[in-house]
Amino acid sequence: MFGLSELALVLVVVVVVLGVKKGPELMRSAGRAARVLKGEKKALKEREQ
């Protein structure tokens, strides 16, 4: 599994490859994905209790 530093490095490389124009859109998408994953993790913890 990837650690946080590896994930950040991959995101930086993707931003450089896609260019500055797509950067903000990519970051918004990554933020949305992170929120969804965080919500799912919270839901799983609540279901286990």
N, C-alpha and C. Protein backbone atom coordinates (compact mmCIF):
# COMPACT_ATOMS: atom_id res chain seq x y z
N MET A 1 0.86 -1.18 0.00
CA MET A 1 0.00 0.00 0.00
C MET A 1 0.90 1.24 0.00
N PHE A 2 0.44 2.26 -0.67
CA PHE A 2 1.21 3.49 -0.76
C PHE A 2 1.10 4.28 0.54
N GLY A 3 2.19 4.93 0.90
CA GLY A 3 2.18 5.84 2.03
C GLY A 3 1.81 7.24 1.55
N LEU A 4 1.66 8.14 2.47
CA LEU A 4 1.26 9.50 2.14
C LEU A 4 2.31 10.20 1.30
N SER A 5 3.58 9.99 1.60
CA SER A 5 4.64 10.66 0.83
C SER A 5 4.68 10.15 -0.61
N GLU A 6 4.49 8.87 -0.83
CA GLU A 6 4.48 8.33 -2.18
C GLU A 6 3.29 8.85 -2.96
N LEU A 7 2.13 8.92 -2.31
CA LEU A 7 0.93 9.44 -2.96
C LEU A 7 1.11 10.90 -3.35
N ALA A 8 1.71 11.69 -2.47
CA ALA A 8 1.96 13.10 -2.77
C ALA A 8 2.92 13.23 -3.96
N LEU A 9 3.93 12.41 -4.01
CA LEU A 9 4.89 12.44 -5.11
C LEU A 9 4.20 12.09 -6.43
N VAL A 10 3.35 11.09 -6.42
CA VAL A 10 2.62 10.71 -7.64
C VAL A 10 1.72 11.86 -8.09
N LEU A 11 1.03 12.51 -7.14
CA LEU A 11 0.17 13.64 -7.50
C LEU A 11 0.97 14.78 -8.11
N VAL A 12 2.15 15.06 -7.56
CA VAL A 12 2.99 16.13 -8.09
C VAL A 12 3.42 15.80 -9.52
N VAL A 13 3.81 14.58 -9.76
CA VAL A 13 4.23 14.17 -11.11
C VAL A 13 3.07 14.29 -12.08
N VAL A 14 1.89 13.87 -11.68
CA VAL A 14 0.71 13.95 -12.54
C VAL A 14 0.40 15.41 -12.87
N VAL A 15 0.48 16.28 -11.88
CA VAL A 15 0.22 17.71 -12.11
C VAL A 15 1.22 18.28 -13.11
N VAL A 16 2.48 17.92 -12.97
CA VAL A 16 3.51 18.42 -13.89
C VAL A 16 3.25 17.89 -15.30
N VAL A 17 2.89 16.62 -15.41
CA VAL A 17 2.66 16.03 -16.72
C VAL A 17 1.44 16.65 -17.40
N LEU A 18 0.36 16.83 -16.66
CA LEU A 18 -0.86 17.38 -17.25
C LEU A 18 -0.78 18.88 -17.47
N GLY A 19 0.11 19.52 -16.76
CA GLY A 19 0.28 20.95 -16.94
C GLY A 19 -0.50 21.76 -15.91
N VAL A 20 -0.18 23.02 -15.87
CA VAL A 20 -0.77 23.92 -14.89
C VAL A 20 -2.26 24.12 -15.16
N LYS A 21 -2.66 24.07 -16.41
CA LYS A 21 -4.06 24.31 -16.77
C LYS A 21 -5.00 23.29 -16.13
N LYS A 22 -4.60 22.04 -16.09
CA LYS A 22 -5.44 20.99 -15.52
C LYS A 22 -5.22 20.82 -14.02
N GLY A 23 -4.23 21.48 -13.44
CA GLY A 23 -3.88 21.31 -12.04
C GLY A 23 -5.02 21.57 -11.07
N PRO A 24 -5.67 22.74 -11.13
CA PRO A 24 -6.76 23.01 -10.18
C PRO A 24 -7.90 22.01 -10.27
N GLU A 25 -8.24 21.61 -11.50
CA GLU A 25 -9.31 20.62 -11.68
C GLU A 25 -8.90 19.28 -11.07
N LEU A 26 -7.66 18.90 -11.25
CA LEU A 26 -7.15 17.65 -10.70
C LEU A 26 -7.16 17.68 -9.17
N MET A 27 -6.75 18.79 -8.59
CA MET A 27 -6.73 18.91 -7.13
C MET A 27 -8.15 18.87 -6.55
N ARG A 28 -9.10 19.50 -7.23
CA ARG A 28 -10.48 19.43 -6.77
C ARG A 28 -10.97 17.99 -6.78
N SER A 29 -10.67 17.28 -7.85
CA SER A 29 -11.07 15.87 -7.95
C SER A 29 -10.42 15.03 -6.86
N ALA A 30 -9.16 15.29 -6.60
CA ALA A 30 -8.46 14.56 -5.54
C ALA A 30 -9.07 14.87 -4.18
N GLY A 31 -9.44 16.12 -3.95
CA GLY A 31 -10.09 16.50 -2.70
C GLY A 31 -11.43 15.82 -2.52
N ARG A 32 -12.20 15.77 -3.60
CA ARG A 32 -13.50 15.08 -3.54
C ARG A 32 -13.31 13.60 -3.23
N ALA A 33 -12.34 12.99 -3.89
CA ALA A 33 -12.07 11.56 -3.66
C ALA A 33 -11.64 11.32 -2.21
N ALA A 34 -10.81 12.21 -1.68
CA ALA A 34 -10.36 12.07 -0.29
C ALA A 34 -11.54 12.20 0.67
N ARG A 35 -12.46 13.13 0.40
CA ARG A 35 -13.64 13.27 1.27
C ARG A 35 -14.52 12.04 1.21
N VAL A 36 -14.70 11.49 0.02
CA VAL A 36 -15.52 10.28 -0.12
C VAL A 36 -14.88 9.13 0.66
N LEU A 37 -13.58 8.95 0.51
CA LEU A 37 -12.89 7.87 1.22
C LEU A 37 -12.97 8.06 2.73
N LYS A 38 -12.83 9.29 3.18
CA LYS A 38 -12.92 9.58 4.61
C LYS A 38 -14.32 9.25 5.14
N GLY A 39 -15.34 9.61 4.37
CA GLY A 39 -16.72 9.30 4.76
C GLY A 39 -16.98 7.80 4.81
N GLU A 40 -16.46 7.08 3.83
CA GLU A 40 -16.63 5.63 3.81
C GLU A 40 -15.92 4.98 4.99
N LYS A 41 -14.74 5.48 5.32
CA LYS A 41 -14.00 4.94 6.47
C LYS A 41 -14.78 5.16 7.76
N LYS A 42 -15.35 6.35 7.90
CA LYS A 42 -16.14 6.67 9.09
C LYS A 42 -17.38 5.76 9.16
N ALA A 43 -18.03 5.55 8.03
CA ALA A 43 -19.22 4.69 7.99
C ALA A 43 -18.87 3.25 8.37
N LEU A 44 -17.73 2.77 7.91
CA LEU A 44 -17.31 1.41 8.26
C LEU A 44 -17.05 1.28 9.76
N LYS A 45 -16.41 2.29 10.34
CA LYS A 45 -16.14 2.26 11.78
C LYS A 45 -17.44 2.26 12.57
N GLU A 46 -18.42 3.06 12.13
CA GLU A 46 -19.71 3.12 12.83
C GLU A 46 -20.45 1.80 12.70
N ARG A 47 -20.35 1.15 11.55
CA ARG A 47 -21.02 -0.13 11.34
C ARG A 47 -20.42 -1.23 12.21
N GLU A 48 -19.11 -1.16 12.47
CA GLU A 48 -18.45 -2.17 13.27
C GLU A 48 -18.84 -2.11 14.74
N GLN A 49 -19.26 -0.95 15.20
CA GLN A 49 -19.58 -0.80 16.62
C GLN A 49 -20.93 -1.29 16.96
